[in-house]
Amino acid sequence: MGWTDLFKPRATKQSPDPKLRWFGKLPTYPDYYSSTADEAWAVEFNDWILRGYERFIGRLKAVRSETAADSPKTNRRLESSGCFIRIPESGMTVLASIQDYGGDMRGRPFPLCLYVGVPTAQWPGPGSARLLPALRVVRDLTALRHDVARFFNAPGRFESIFEGREIDLSGIDDQTVDDSWVAAASAVSLGDWFGQTRSGRDGAELGSWTGAIGQSGRNIAALDSDDFEAALSFPLSTGLAWDVQAAGWIRWLESYMDLSRKYLSLMITGDADTGPGRLAVLARKAIGEEDFLLLTPVWHTSAYADDLTGSGEVGATGSADGARPGNVPEPRASASWGDFVASGAPVS
């Protein structure tokens, strides 16, 4: 039974909803913490989290069963994540922070989500110039983990700390433009950036990776249409703010896909203070429970996502062999990362 089977909320109002909501588990309580389920879009999001996490636990068991006895087991704990996703039935975009504190006091695992919502129709795309306000909201939601830590130290009613709060949603629209990320992206060399990605730290070659991702971009351009859908995983480096990198990767994607015809969902996974991370970009109309896997340690098992991080084979839209057409020059390691993400052929 899903969350939508338990509640009959009122229909979603198509207007921004800055009210802070929450759903999930903490080790201070034997059940779910949940804000009032008074809007259909909030119930739909809670249901997506429930079904997605259930899919993750099932997939994790399968992965562990296939792992050799003397090999490290895949971690059950989710990394710190932030996202905005387009939930289809209510026509809302949910901006959320997802943190895993280990589950409830009985040891049953489940993360805690803090979130707000805006109507999907008011925010198409977004292109790289309209992304930063949403990333600011996700960052503000993630920063609330410090308030959760204070709750741990002096437990009481969860509502007494979080109820009545609102998050500033200004700028999440089809008018606000912010290209401030470009200067920071241009101040870091491609070589230094790649050296602080997970693949770079593991010794992958920059030339092979740029060859594979360049071929993937050309394949995306060849397939792009009103009906074309894609799910792509990009690397995030510790050497540059993740907001900047997320905007940069959307700029790269703009070179191969007409984002004005899309409604993107984004998932940022990891913590820049502890190591490299990952960005998942979903260009599709409907988000399903399988997509939740992109927030988890078994993200690489997703049946629909193409891996552009360099950690494994590039998927159906790309190439893993690093082949580079003879007339396409290899990017110089000394070139800026900003120049690299802007180097594709613009969509006509």
C-alpha atoms as a PDB file:
ATOM      1  CA  MET A   1       0.000   0.000   0.000  1.00  0.00           C
ATOM      2  CA  GLY A   2       1.366   3.416  -0.964  1.00  0.00           C
ATOM      3  CA  TRP A   3       1.067   6.769   0.736  1.00  0.00           C
ATOM      4  CA  THR A   4      -1.643   7.836  -1.707  1.00  0.00           C
ATOM      5  CA  ASP A   5      -3.762   4.897  -0.570  1.00  0.00           C
ATOM      6  CA  LEU A   6      -3.765   6.143   3.035  1.00  0.00           C
ATOM      7  CA  PHE A   7      -4.804   9.765   2.512  1.00  0.00           C
ATOM      8  CA  LYS A   8      -7.320  11.674   0.410  1.00  0.00           C
ATOM      9  CA  PRO A   9      -5.837  15.179   0.252  1.00  0.00           C
ATOM     10  CA  ARG A  10      -7.349  18.155  -1.492  1.00  0.00           C
ATOM     11  CA  ALA A  11      -6.428  18.810  -5.113  1.00  0.00           C
ATOM     12  CA  THR A  12      -3.192  20.673  -5.773  1.00  0.00           C
ATOM     13  CA  LYS A  13      -3.364  24.435  -6.197  1.00  0.00           C
ATOM     14  CA  GLN A  14      -1.209  25.490  -9.125  1.00  0.00           C
ATOM     15  CA  SER A  15       0.810  28.097  -7.242  1.00  0.00           C
ATOM     16  CA  PRO A  16       4.201  28.097  -5.493  1.00  0.00           C
ATOM     17  CA  ASP A  17       4.054  26.450  -2.072  1.00  0.00           C
ATOM     18  CA  PRO A  18       6.934  27.691   0.127  1.00  0.00           C
ATOM     19  CA  LYS A  19       5.654  25.859   3.219  1.00  0.00           C
ATOM     20  CA  LEU A  20       8.345  23.544   4.588  1.00  0.00           C
ATOM     21  CA  ARG A  21       7.198  19.929   4.638  1.00  0.00           C
ATOM     22  CA  TRP A  22       8.889  16.770   5.840  1.00  0.00           C
ATOM     23  CA  PHE A  23       8.593  13.027   5.578  1.00  0.00           C
ATOM     24  CA  GLY A  24      10.876  10.271   6.801  1.00  0.00           C
ATOM     25  CA  LYS A  25      12.550   8.675   9.785  1.00  0.00           C
ATOM     26  CA  LEU A  26      14.960   9.575  12.575  1.00  0.00           C
ATOM     27  CA  PRO A  27      16.365   7.369  15.357  1.00  0.00           C
ATOM     28  CA  THR A  28      14.402   9.394  17.948  1.00  0.00           C
ATOM     29  CA  TYR A  29      10.996   7.908  17.023  1.00  0.00           C
ATOM     30  CA  PRO A  30       9.629   4.425  16.129  1.00  0.00           C
ATOM     31  CA  ASP A  31       7.678   5.556  13.047  1.00  0.00           C
ATOM     32  CA  TYR A  32       7.583   8.164  10.279  1.00  0.00           C
ATOM     33  CA  TYR A  33       7.818  11.872  10.940  1.00  0.00           C
ATOM     34  CA  SER A  34       5.391  13.548   8.533  1.00  0.00           C
ATOM     35  CA  SER A  35       4.041  17.039   8.089  1.00  0.00           C
ATOM     36  CA  THR A  36       0.314  17.380   7.444  1.00  0.00           C
ATOM     37  CA  ALA A  37      -0.643  15.593   4.211  1.00  0.00           C
ATOM     38  CA  ASP A  38      -2.947  18.400   3.088  1.00  0.00           C
ATOM     39  CA  GLU A  39      -1.974  18.733  -0.589  1.00  0.00           C
ATOM     40  CA  ALA A  40      -2.128  16.121  -3.342  1.00  0.00           C
ATOM     41  CA  TRP A  41       1.354  16.972  -4.581  1.00  0.00           C
ATOM     42  CA  ALA A  42       2.883  16.345  -1.137  1.00  0.00           C
ATOM     43  CA  VAL A  43       1.159  12.961  -0.892  1.00  0.00           C
ATOM     44  CA  GLU A  44       2.363  12.079  -4.387  1.00  0.00           C
ATOM     45  CA  PHE A  45       5.946  12.957  -3.452  1.00  0.00           C
ATOM     46  CA  ASN A  46       5.796  10.960  -0.214  1.00  0.00           C
ATOM     47  CA  ASP A  47       4.514   8.001  -2.207  1.00  0.00           C
ATOM     48  CA  TRP A  48       7.376   8.333  -4.702  1.00  0.00           C
ATOM     49  CA  ILE A  49       9.881   8.284  -1.843  1.00  0.00           C
ATOM     50  CA  LEU A  50       8.234   5.238  -0.248  1.00  0.00           C
ATOM     51  CA  ARG A  51       8.038   3.231  -3.449  1.00  0.00           C
ATOM     52  CA  GLY A  52      11.471   4.325  -4.592  1.00  0.00           C
ATOM     53  CA  TYR A  53      13.117   3.370  -1.317  1.00  0.00           C
ATOM     54  CA  GLU A  54      11.397  -0.001  -1.411  1.00  0.00           C
ATOM     55  CA  ARG A  55      12.799  -0.498  -4.922  1.00  0.00           C
ATOM     56  CA  PHE A  56      16.250   0.460  -3.626  1.00  0.00           C
ATOM     57  CA  ILE A  57      16.180  -2.071  -0.764  1.00  0.00           C
ATOM     58  CA  GLY A  58      15.137  -4.815  -3.167  1.00  0.00           C
ATOM     59  CA  ARG A  59      17.875  -3.907  -5.637  1.00  0.00           C
ATOM     60  CA  LEU A  60      20.450  -3.655  -2.842  1.00  0.00           C
ATOM     61  CA  LYS A  61      19.671  -7.216  -1.722  1.00  0.00           C
ATOM     62  CA  ALA A  62      20.133  -8.423  -5.288  1.00  0.00           C
ATOM     63  CA  VAL A  63      23.461  -6.599  -5.647  1.00  0.00           C
ATOM     64  CA  ARG A  64      24.732  -7.933  -2.339  1.00  0.00           C
ATOM     65  CA  SER A  65      23.740 -11.476  -3.244  1.00  0.00           C
ATOM     66  CA  GLU A  66      25.868 -11.212  -6.387  1.00  0.00           C
ATOM     67  CA  THR A  67      28.880  -9.814  -4.520  1.00  0.00           C
ATOM     68  CA  ALA A  68      31.713 -12.173  -3.686  1.00  0.00           C
ATOM     69  CA  ALA A  69      31.953 -13.102  -0.012  1.00  0.00           C
ATOM     70  CA  ASP A  70      35.395 -11.472   0.352  1.00  0.00           C
ATOM     71  CA  SER A  71      34.372  -8.215  -1.368  1.00  0.00           C
ATOM     72  CA  PRO A  72      33.059  -5.095   0.402  1.00  0.00           C
ATOM     73  CA  LYS A  73      29.280  -4.986   0.614  1.00  0.00           C
ATOM     74  CA  THR A  74      27.411  -2.049  -0.949  1.00  0.00           C
ATOM     75  CA  ASN A  75      26.451   0.445   1.755  1.00  0.00           C
ATOM     76  CA  ARG A  76      22.769   0.722   2.670  1.00  0.00           C
ATOM     77  CA  ARG A  77      23.112   4.308   3.906  1.00  0.00           C
ATOM     78  CA  LEU A  78      22.200   6.970   1.347  1.00  0.00           C
ATOM     79  CA  GLU A  79      24.592   9.812   0.710  1.00  0.00           C
ATOM     80  CA  SER A  80      23.465  13.375   1.343  1.00  0.00           C
ATOM     81  CA  SER A  81      21.305  14.401  -1.634  1.00  0.00           C
ATOM     82  CA  GLY A  82      19.370  17.338  -3.004  1.00  0.00           C
ATOM     83  CA  CYS A  83      16.997  17.290  -5.942  1.00  0.00           C
ATOM     84  CA  PHE A  84      14.175  18.832  -7.833  1.00  0.00           C
ATOM     85  CA  ILE A  85      11.853  16.393  -9.554  1.00  0.00           C
ATOM     86  CA  ARG A  86       8.794  16.764 -11.769  1.00  0.00           C
ATOM     87  CA  ILE A  87       6.002  14.665 -10.273  1.00  0.00           C
ATOM     88  CA  PRO A  88       3.489  13.966 -13.036  1.00  0.00           C
ATOM     89  CA  GLU A  89      -0.009  13.593 -11.576  1.00  0.00           C
ATOM     90  CA  SER A  90      -0.166  16.860  -9.629  1.00  0.00           C
ATOM     91  CA  GLY A  91       1.905  18.868 -12.118  1.00  0.00           C
ATOM     92  CA  MET A  92       4.299  20.098  -9.438  1.00  0.00           C
ATOM     93  CA  THR A  93       8.066  20.298  -9.148  1.00  0.00           C
ATOM     94  CA  VAL A  94       9.337  19.233  -5.721  1.00  0.00           C
ATOM     95  CA  LEU A  95      12.598  20.706  -4.430  1.00  0.00           C
ATOM     96  CA  ALA A  96      13.993  18.522  -1.651  1.00  0.00           C
ATOM     97  CA  SER A  97      16.863  17.610   0.607  1.00  0.00           C
ATOM     98  CA  ILE A  98      17.220  13.899   1.374  1.00  0.00           C
ATOM     99  CA  GLN A  99      19.355  12.928   4.380  1.00  0.00           C
ATOM    100  CA  ASP A 100      19.855   9.454   5.826  1.00  0.00           C
ATOM    101  CA  TYR A 101      20.177   9.356   9.625  1.00  0.00           C
ATOM    102  CA  GLY A 102      19.935   5.583   9.844  1.00  0.00           C
ATOM    103  CA  GLY A 103      16.171   5.107  10.076  1.00  0.00           C
ATOM    104  CA  ASP A 104      13.914   4.904  13.131  1.00  0.00           C
ATOM    105  CA  MET A 105      14.691   3.880  16.720  1.00  0.00           C
ATOM    106  CA  ARG A 106      13.832   0.263  15.900  1.00  0.00           C
ATOM    107  CA  GLY A 107      16.546   0.133  13.256  1.00  0.00           C
ATOM    108  CA  ARG A 108      14.232   0.186  10.250  1.00  0.00           C
ATOM    109  CA  PRO A 109      16.013   2.194   7.541  1.00  0.00           C
ATOM    110  CA  PHE A 110      14.511   5.194   5.753  1.00  0.00           C
ATOM    111  CA  PRO A 111      15.757   8.725   4.991  1.00  0.00           C
ATOM    112  CA  LEU A 112      14.319  12.092   6.060  1.00  0.00           C
ATOM    113  CA  CYS A 113      13.113  14.453   3.317  1.00  0.00           C
ATOM    114  CA  LEU A 114      12.547  18.205   3.703  1.00  0.00           C
ATOM    115  CA  TYR A 115      10.805  19.801   0.736  1.00  0.00           C
ATOM    116  CA  VAL A 116       8.761  22.552  -0.940  1.00  0.00           C
ATOM    117  CA  GLY A 117       7.007  22.786  -4.326  1.00  0.00           C
ATOM    118  CA  VAL A 118       6.365  24.989  -7.356  1.00  0.00           C
ATOM    119  CA  PRO A 119       4.072  24.413 -10.372  1.00  0.00           C
ATOM    120  CA  THR A 120       5.982  22.673 -13.140  1.00  0.00           C
ATOM    121  CA  ALA A 121       4.338  24.814 -15.816  1.00  0.00           C
ATOM    122  CA  GLN A 122       5.919  28.008 -14.471  1.00  0.00           C
ATOM    123  CA  TRP A 123       9.465  26.667 -14.809  1.00  0.00           C
ATOM    124  CA  PRO A 124      10.201  24.850 -18.096  1.00  0.00           C
ATOM    125  CA  GLY A 125      13.691  23.621 -18.873  1.00  0.00           C
ATOM    126  CA  PRO A 126      15.524  24.967 -17.042  1.00  0.00           C
ATOM    127  CA  GLY A 127      18.477  26.112 -19.081  1.00  0.00           C
ATOM    128  CA  SER A 128      21.769  26.928 -17.394  1.00  0.00           C
ATOM    129  CA  ALA A 129      20.809  30.606 -17.010  1.00  0.00           C
ATOM    130  CA  ARG A 130      17.702  29.792 -14.956  1.00  0.00           C
ATOM    131  CA  LEU A 131      19.020  27.027 -12.717  1.00  0.00           C
ATOM    132  CA  LEU A 132      20.758  28.797  -9.823  1.00  0.00           C
ATOM    133  CA  PRO A 133      17.632  29.960  -7.900  1.00  0.00           C
ATOM    134  CA  ALA A 134      16.437  26.347  -7.634  1.00  0.00           C
ATOM    135  CA  LEU A 135      19.873  25.167  -6.528  1.00  0.00           C
ATOM    136  CA  ARG A 136      19.841  27.883  -3.847  1.00  0.00           C
ATOM    137  CA  VAL A 137      16.539  26.467  -2.547  1.00  0.00           C
ATOM    138  CA  VAL A 138      17.971  22.937  -2.467  1.00  0.00           C
ATOM    139  CA  ARG A 139      21.037  24.266  -0.647  1.00  0.00           C
ATOM    140  CA  ASP A 140      18.810  26.044   1.913  1.00  0.00           C
ATOM    141  CA  LEU A 141      16.866  22.826   2.478  1.00  0.00           C
ATOM    142  CA  THR A 142      20.078  20.843   2.915  1.00  0.00           C
ATOM    143  CA  ALA A 143      21.358  23.386   5.455  1.00  0.00           C
ATOM    144  CA  LEU A 144      18.406  22.487   7.683  1.00  0.00           C
ATOM    145  CA  ARG A 145      20.299  19.334   8.670  1.00  0.00           C
ATOM    146  CA  HIS A 146      22.000  21.566  11.267  1.00  0.00           C
ATOM    147  CA  ASP A 147      18.573  22.150  12.831  1.00  0.00           C
ATOM    148  CA  VAL A 148      17.962  18.397  12.732  1.00  0.00           C
ATOM    149  CA  ALA A 149      21.249  17.939  14.633  1.00  0.00           C
ATOM    150  CA  ARG A 150      20.028  20.393  17.285  1.00  0.00           C
ATOM    151  CA  PHE A 151      16.809  18.375  17.525  1.00  0.00           C
ATOM    152  CA  PHE A 152      18.900  15.271  18.259  1.00  0.00           C
ATOM    153  CA  ASN A 153      20.662  17.078  21.095  1.00  0.00           C
ATOM    154  CA  ALA A 154      17.413  18.296  22.672  1.00  0.00           C
ATOM    155  CA  PRO A 155      14.610  16.069  21.373  1.00  0.00           C
ATOM    156  CA  GLY A 156      11.029  17.225  21.742  1.00  0.00           C
ATOM    157  CA  ARG A 157       8.317  17.759  19.178  1.00  0.00           C
ATOM    158  CA  PHE A 158       9.733  17.828  15.648  1.00  0.00           C
ATOM    159  CA  GLU A 159       6.962  20.247  14.701  1.00  0.00           C
ATOM    160  CA  SER A 160       8.129  22.775  17.285  1.00  0.00           C
ATOM    161  CA  ILE A 161      11.304  23.301  15.262  1.00  0.00           C
ATOM    162  CA  PHE A 162      10.075  23.064  11.679  1.00  0.00           C
ATOM    163  CA  GLU A 163       6.335  23.788  11.558  1.00  0.00           C
ATOM    164  CA  GLY A 164       5.415  27.176  10.113  1.00  0.00           C
ATOM    165  CA  ARG A 165       8.694  27.692   8.284  1.00  0.00           C
ATOM    166  CA  GLU A 166       8.807  28.844   4.685  1.00  0.00           C
ATOM    167  CA  ILE A 167      11.575  28.695   2.076  1.00  0.00           C
ATOM    168  CA  ASP A 168      12.253  31.589  -0.310  1.00  0.00           C
ATOM    169  CA  LEU A 169      11.192  30.418  -3.799  1.00  0.00           C
ATOM    170  CA  SER A 170      11.942  33.661  -5.635  1.00  0.00           C
ATOM    171  CA  GLY A 171      13.550  33.307  -9.050  1.00  0.00           C
ATOM    172  CA  ILE A 172      12.124  29.894  -9.889  1.00  0.00           C
ATOM    173  CA  ASP A 173      10.267  31.038 -12.988  1.00  0.00           C
ATOM    174  CA  ASP A 174      10.708  31.471 -16.729  1.00  0.00           C
ATOM    175  CA  GLN A 175      11.989  35.063 -16.413  1.00  0.00           C
ATOM    176  CA  THR A 176      14.869  35.204 -13.926  1.00  0.00           C
ATOM    177  CA  VAL A 177      18.326  34.882 -15.504  1.00  0.00           C
ATOM    178  CA  ASP A 178      21.538  34.268 -13.533  1.00  0.00           C
ATOM    179  CA  ASP A 179      24.814  33.454 -15.318  1.00  0.00           C
ATOM    180  CA  SER A 180      27.028  34.157 -12.308  1.00  0.00           C
ATOM    181  CA  TRP A 181      28.297  30.567 -12.378  1.00  0.00           C
ATOM    182  CA  VAL A 182      30.285  31.203 -15.582  1.00  0.00           C
ATOM    183  CA  ALA A 183      33.107  33.171 -13.928  1.00  0.00           C
ATOM    184  CA  ALA A 184      33.752  30.455 -11.333  1.00  0.00           C
ATOM    185  CA  ALA A 185      33.606  27.716 -13.982  1.00  0.00           C
ATOM    186  CA  SER A 186      36.154  29.574 -16.111  1.00  0.00           C
ATOM    187  CA  ALA A 187      38.619  29.936 -13.212  1.00  0.00           C
ATOM    188  CA  VAL A 188      39.302  26.176 -12.936  1.00  0.00           C
ATOM    189  CA  SER A 189      41.275  24.200 -15.510  1.00  0.00           C
ATOM    190  CA  LEU A 190      39.739  21.094 -17.032  1.00  0.00           C
ATOM    191  CA  GLY A 191      42.698  19.026 -15.849  1.00  0.00           C
ATOM    192  CA  ASP A 192      42.455  20.204 -12.236  1.00  0.00           C
ATOM    193  CA  TRP A 193      38.687  19.723 -12.265  1.00  0.00           C
ATOM    194  CA  PHE A 194      38.910  16.165 -13.611  1.00  0.00           C
ATOM    195  CA  GLY A 195      41.648  15.251 -11.134  1.00  0.00           C
ATOM    196  CA  GLN A 196      39.194  15.848  -8.280  1.00  0.00           C
ATOM    197  CA  THR A 197      36.385  13.724  -9.728  1.00  0.00           C
ATOM    198  CA  ARG A 198      36.015  10.145  -8.541  1.00  0.00           C
ATOM    199  CA  SER A 199      37.274   8.786 -11.875  1.00  0.00           C
ATOM    200  CA  GLY A 200      40.208  11.190 -11.930  1.00  0.00           C
ATOM    201  CA  ARG A 201      41.236  10.164  -8.434  1.00  0.00           C
ATOM    202  CA  ASP A 202      41.031   6.519  -9.518  1.00  0.00           C
ATOM    203  CA  GLY A 203      43.513   7.165 -12.327  1.00  0.00           C
ATOM    204  CA  ALA A 204      41.214   7.458 -15.357  1.00  0.00           C
ATOM    205  CA  GLU A 205      42.648   9.255 -18.386  1.00  0.00           C
ATOM    206  CA  LEU A 206      41.206  12.650 -19.195  1.00  0.00           C
ATOM    207  CA  GLY A 207      41.481  12.079 -22.955  1.00  0.00           C
ATOM    208  CA  SER A 208      39.515   8.834 -22.865  1.00  0.00           C
ATOM    209  CA  TRP A 209      36.798  10.403 -20.760  1.00  0.00           C
ATOM    210  CA  THR A 210      36.423  13.513 -22.940  1.00  0.00           C
ATOM    211  CA  GLY A 211      36.286  11.277 -26.011  1.00  0.00           C
ATOM    212  CA  ALA A 212      33.482   9.179 -24.566  1.00  0.00           C
ATOM    213  CA  ILE A 213      31.441  12.104 -23.311  1.00  0.00           C
ATOM    214  CA  GLY A 214      31.895  13.986 -26.583  1.00  0.00           C
ATOM    215  CA  GLN A 215      30.563  11.022 -28.529  1.00  0.00           C
ATOM    216  CA  SER A 216      27.669  10.767 -26.109  1.00  0.00           C
ATOM    217  CA  GLY A 217      26.801  14.415 -26.745  1.00  0.00           C
ATOM    218  CA  ARG A 218      26.776  13.890 -30.504  1.00  0.00           C
ATOM    219  CA  ASN A 219      24.538  10.837 -30.107  1.00  0.00           C
ATOM    220  CA  ILE A 220      22.118  12.848 -27.952  1.00  0.00           C
ATOM    221  CA  ALA A 221      21.981  15.553 -30.638  1.00  0.00           C
ATOM    222  CA  ALA A 222      21.215  12.938 -33.296  1.00  0.00           C
ATOM    223  CA  LEU A 223      18.367  11.489 -31.221  1.00  0.00           C
ATOM    224  CA  ASP A 224      16.855  14.706 -29.864  1.00  0.00           C
ATOM    225  CA  SER A 225      13.178  15.299 -30.635  1.00  0.00           C
ATOM    226  CA  ASP A 226      10.004  16.281 -28.807  1.00  0.00           C
ATOM    227  CA  ASP A 227       9.597  12.665 -27.670  1.00  0.00           C
ATOM    228  CA  PHE A 228      13.249  11.907 -26.875  1.00  0.00           C
ATOM    229  CA  GLU A 229      13.925  11.151 -23.197  1.00  0.00           C
ATOM    230  CA  ALA A 230      17.228  10.652 -21.426  1.00  0.00           C
ATOM    231  CA  ALA A 231      18.689  10.043 -17.966  1.00  0.00           C
ATOM    232  CA  LEU A 232      22.343  11.014 -17.603  1.00  0.00           C
ATOM    233  CA  SER A 233      24.817  10.784 -14.706  1.00  0.00           C
ATOM    234  CA  PHE A 234      27.624  13.376 -14.648  1.00  0.00           C
ATOM    235  CA  PRO A 235      30.675  13.623 -12.362  1.00  0.00           C
ATOM    236  CA  LEU A 236      31.025  16.350  -9.727  1.00  0.00           C
ATOM    237  CA  SER A 237      34.476  17.422  -8.582  1.00  0.00           C
ATOM    238  CA  THR A 238      35.505  18.566  -5.106  1.00  0.00           C
ATOM    239  CA  GLY A 239      37.440  21.449  -6.686  1.00  0.00           C
ATOM    240  CA  LEU A 240      34.440  23.581  -7.656  1.00  0.00           C
ATOM    241  CA  ALA A 241      31.097  24.515  -6.069  1.00  0.00           C
ATOM    242  CA  TRP A 242      28.462  21.973  -7.034  1.00  0.00           C
ATOM    243  CA  ASP A 243      25.939  24.656  -7.968  1.00  0.00           C
ATOM    244  CA  VAL A 244      28.458  25.887 -10.530  1.00  0.00           C
ATOM    245  CA  GLN A 245      29.052  22.386 -11.871  1.00  0.00           C
ATOM    246  CA  ALA A 246      25.341  21.582 -12.118  1.00  0.00           C
ATOM    247  CA  ALA A 247      24.765  24.760 -14.131  1.00  0.00           C
ATOM    248  CA  GLY A 248      27.803  23.932 -16.257  1.00  0.00           C
ATOM    249  CA  TRP A 249      26.561  20.458 -17.092  1.00  0.00           C
ATOM    250  CA  ILE A 250      23.198  21.894 -18.108  1.00  0.00           C
ATOM    251  CA  ARG A 251      25.123  24.304 -20.344  1.00  0.00           C
ATOM    252  CA  TRP A 252      26.888  21.291 -21.893  1.00  0.00           C
ATOM    253  CA  LEU A 253      23.541  19.569 -22.430  1.00  0.00           C
ATOM    254  CA  GLU A 254      22.117  22.697 -24.078  1.00  0.00           C
ATOM    255  CA  SER A 255      24.645  22.164 -26.865  1.00  0.00           C
ATOM    256  CA  TYR A 256      23.045  18.858 -27.791  1.00  0.00           C
ATOM    257  CA  MET A 257      19.415  19.027 -26.667  1.00  0.00           C
ATOM    258  CA  ASP A 258      16.723  21.690 -27.038  1.00  0.00           C
ATOM    259  CA  LEU A 259      15.881  22.201 -23.363  1.00  0.00           C
ATOM    260  CA  SER A 260      13.101  24.683 -24.137  1.00  0.00           C
ATOM    261  CA  ARG A 261      10.994  21.645 -25.058  1.00  0.00           C
ATOM    262  CA  LYS A 262      11.871  19.702 -21.883  1.00  0.00           C
ATOM    263  CA  TYR A 263      11.110  19.656 -18.184  1.00  0.00           C
ATOM    264  CA  LEU A 264      14.283  18.463 -16.473  1.00  0.00           C
ATOM    265  CA  SER A 265      14.637  16.806 -13.076  1.00  0.00           C
ATOM    266  CA  LEU A 266      18.005  17.007 -11.281  1.00  0.00           C
ATOM    267  CA  MET A 267      19.527  14.969  -8.462  1.00  0.00           C
ATOM    268  CA  ILE A 268      22.798  15.945  -6.746  1.00  0.00           C
ATOM    269  CA  THR A 269      24.292  13.194  -4.615  1.00  0.00           C
ATOM    270  CA  GLY A 270      27.254  13.400  -2.238  1.00  0.00           C
ATOM    271  CA  ASP A 271      28.866  15.940   0.074  1.00  0.00           C
ATOM    272  CA  ALA A 272      31.574  18.234  -1.272  1.00  0.00           C
ATOM    273  CA  ASP A 273      33.199  18.291   2.182  1.00  0.00           C
ATOM    274  CA  THR A 274      33.863  14.543   2.096  1.00  0.00           C
ATOM    275  CA  GLY A 275      34.545  13.665  -1.558  1.00  0.00           C
ATOM    276  CA  PRO A 276      33.418  13.790  -5.197  1.00  0.00           C
ATOM    277  CA  GLY A 277      29.751  13.586  -6.074  1.00  0.00           C
ATOM    278  CA  ARG A 278      27.371  12.895  -8.903  1.00  0.00           C
ATOM    279  CA  LEU A 279      24.691  14.782 -10.832  1.00  0.00           C
ATOM    280  CA  ALA A 280      21.772  12.944 -12.451  1.00  0.00           C
ATOM    281  CA  VAL A 281      19.770  14.798 -15.094  1.00  0.00           C
ATOM    282  CA  LEU A 282      16.461  13.325 -16.229  1.00  0.00           C
ATOM    283  CA  ALA A 283      14.856  14.692 -19.375  1.00  0.00           C
ATOM    284  CA  ARG A 284      11.566  12.871 -19.280  1.00  0.00           C
ATOM    285  CA  LYS A 285       7.905  13.637 -18.722  1.00  0.00           C
ATOM    286  CA  ALA A 286       7.178  11.213 -15.893  1.00  0.00           C
ATOM    287  CA  ILE A 287       9.389  10.326 -12.934  1.00  0.00           C
ATOM    288  CA  GLY A 288       9.045   6.747 -11.700  1.00  0.00           C
ATOM    289  CA  GLU A 289      10.219   4.763  -8.697  1.00  0.00           C
ATOM    290  CA  GLU A 290      13.115   3.328 -10.721  1.00  0.00           C
ATOM    291  CA  ASP A 291      14.511   6.866 -10.941  1.00  0.00           C
ATOM    292  CA  PHE A 292      14.889   6.954  -7.154  1.00  0.00           C
ATOM    293  CA  LEU A 293      17.782   4.529  -7.591  1.00  0.00           C
ATOM    294  CA  LEU A 294      19.853   7.412  -8.999  1.00  0.00           C
ATOM    295  CA  LEU A 295      19.989   8.821  -5.447  1.00  0.00           C
ATOM    296  CA  THR A 296      21.337   5.584  -3.985  1.00  0.00           C
ATOM    297  CA  PRO A 297      24.542   3.513  -3.822  1.00  0.00           C
ATOM    298  CA  VAL A 298      23.116   1.186  -6.520  1.00  0.00           C
ATOM    299  CA  TRP A 299      22.574   4.029  -9.014  1.00  0.00           C
ATOM    300  CA  HIS A 300      24.697   2.216 -11.595  1.00  0.00           C
ATOM    301  CA  THR A 301      22.097  -0.582 -11.794  1.00  0.00           C
ATOM    302  CA  SER A 302      19.364   1.711 -13.131  1.00  0.00           C
ATOM    303  CA  ALA A 303      18.001   0.312 -16.368  1.00  0.00           C
ATOM    304  CA  TYR A 304      17.454   3.739 -17.896  1.00  0.00           C
ATOM    305  CA  ALA A 305      20.459   5.923 -17.002  1.00  0.00           C
ATOM    306  CA  ASP A 306      23.605   6.529 -19.033  1.00  0.00           C
ATOM    307  CA  ASP A 307      26.802   6.814 -17.004  1.00  0.00           C
ATOM    308  CA  LEU A 308      28.957   9.762 -18.135  1.00  0.00           C
ATOM    309  CA  THR A 309      31.006   9.866 -14.932  1.00  0.00           C
ATOM    310  CA  GLY A 310      33.793   7.693 -16.303  1.00  0.00           C
ATOM    311  CA  SER A 311      33.262   5.061 -13.605  1.00  0.00           C
ATOM    312  CA  GLY A 312      31.898   2.451 -15.998  1.00  0.00           C
ATOM    313  CA  GLU A 313      30.432   1.908 -19.421  1.00  0.00           C
ATOM    314  CA  VAL A 314      28.623   4.792 -21.008  1.00  0.00           C
ATOM    315  CA  GLY A 315      25.054   3.794 -21.770  1.00  0.00           C
ATOM    316  CA  ALA A 316      22.986   3.609 -24.912  1.00  0.00           C
ATOM    317  CA  THR A 317      23.433   7.253 -25.863  1.00  0.00           C
ATOM    318  CA  GLY A 318      27.197   7.183 -25.465  1.00  0.00           C
ATOM    319  CA  SER A 319      30.393   5.248 -26.036  1.00  0.00           C
ATOM    320  CA  ALA A 320      32.751   3.725 -23.504  1.00  0.00           C
ATOM    321  CA  ASP A 321      35.803   3.315 -25.717  1.00  0.00           C
ATOM    322  CA  GLY A 322      36.884   6.955 -25.783  1.00  0.00           C
ATOM    323  CA  ALA A 323      36.903   6.991 -29.573  1.00  0.00           C
ATOM    324  CA  ARG A 324      37.259  10.487 -30.998  1.00  0.00           C
ATOM    325  CA  PRO A 325      36.528  11.389 -34.629  1.00  0.00           C
ATOM    326  CA  GLY A 326      39.646  12.597 -36.383  1.00  0.00           C
ATOM    327  CA  ASN A 327      38.286  16.088 -36.990  1.00  0.00           C
ATOM    328  CA  VAL A 328      37.376  16.710 -33.320  1.00  0.00           C
ATOM    329  CA  PRO A 329      40.333  18.037 -31.288  1.00  0.00           C
ATOM    330  CA  GLU A 330      40.914  16.739 -27.770  1.00  0.00           C
ATOM    331  CA  PRO A 331      40.272  19.438 -25.149  1.00  0.00           C
ATOM    332  CA  ARG A 332      43.489  20.685 -23.532  1.00  0.00           C
ATOM    333  CA  ALA A 333      43.864  19.910 -19.824  1.00  0.00           C
ATOM    334  CA  SER A 334      44.881  23.553 -19.333  1.00  0.00           C
ATOM    335  CA  ALA A 335      41.645  24.823 -20.890  1.00  0.00           C
ATOM    336  CA  SER A 336      39.069  26.006 -18.377  1.00  0.00           C
ATOM    337  CA  TRP A 337      36.258  23.720 -17.305  1.00  0.00           C
ATOM    338  CA  GLY A 338      33.855  26.492 -18.241  1.00  0.00           C
ATOM    339  CA  ASP A 339      35.168  26.492 -21.804  1.00  0.00           C
ATOM    340  CA  PHE A 340      34.831  22.713 -21.929  1.00  0.00           C
ATOM    341  CA  VAL A 341      31.143  22.625 -20.971  1.00  0.00           C
ATOM    342  CA  ALA A 342      30.426  25.445 -23.444  1.00  0.00           C
ATOM    343  CA  SER A 343      32.381  23.878 -26.309  1.00  0.00           C
ATOM    344  CA  GLY A 344      29.627  21.866 -27.979  1.00  0.00           C
ATOM    345  CA  ALA A 345      27.866  22.892 -31.178  1.00  0.00           C
ATOM    346  CA  PRO A 346      24.767  24.967 -30.228  1.00  0.00           C
ATOM    347  CA  VAL A 347      21.385  23.441 -30.961  1.00  0.00           C
ATOM    348  CA  SER A 348      19.871  25.067 -34.040  1.00  0.00           C
END
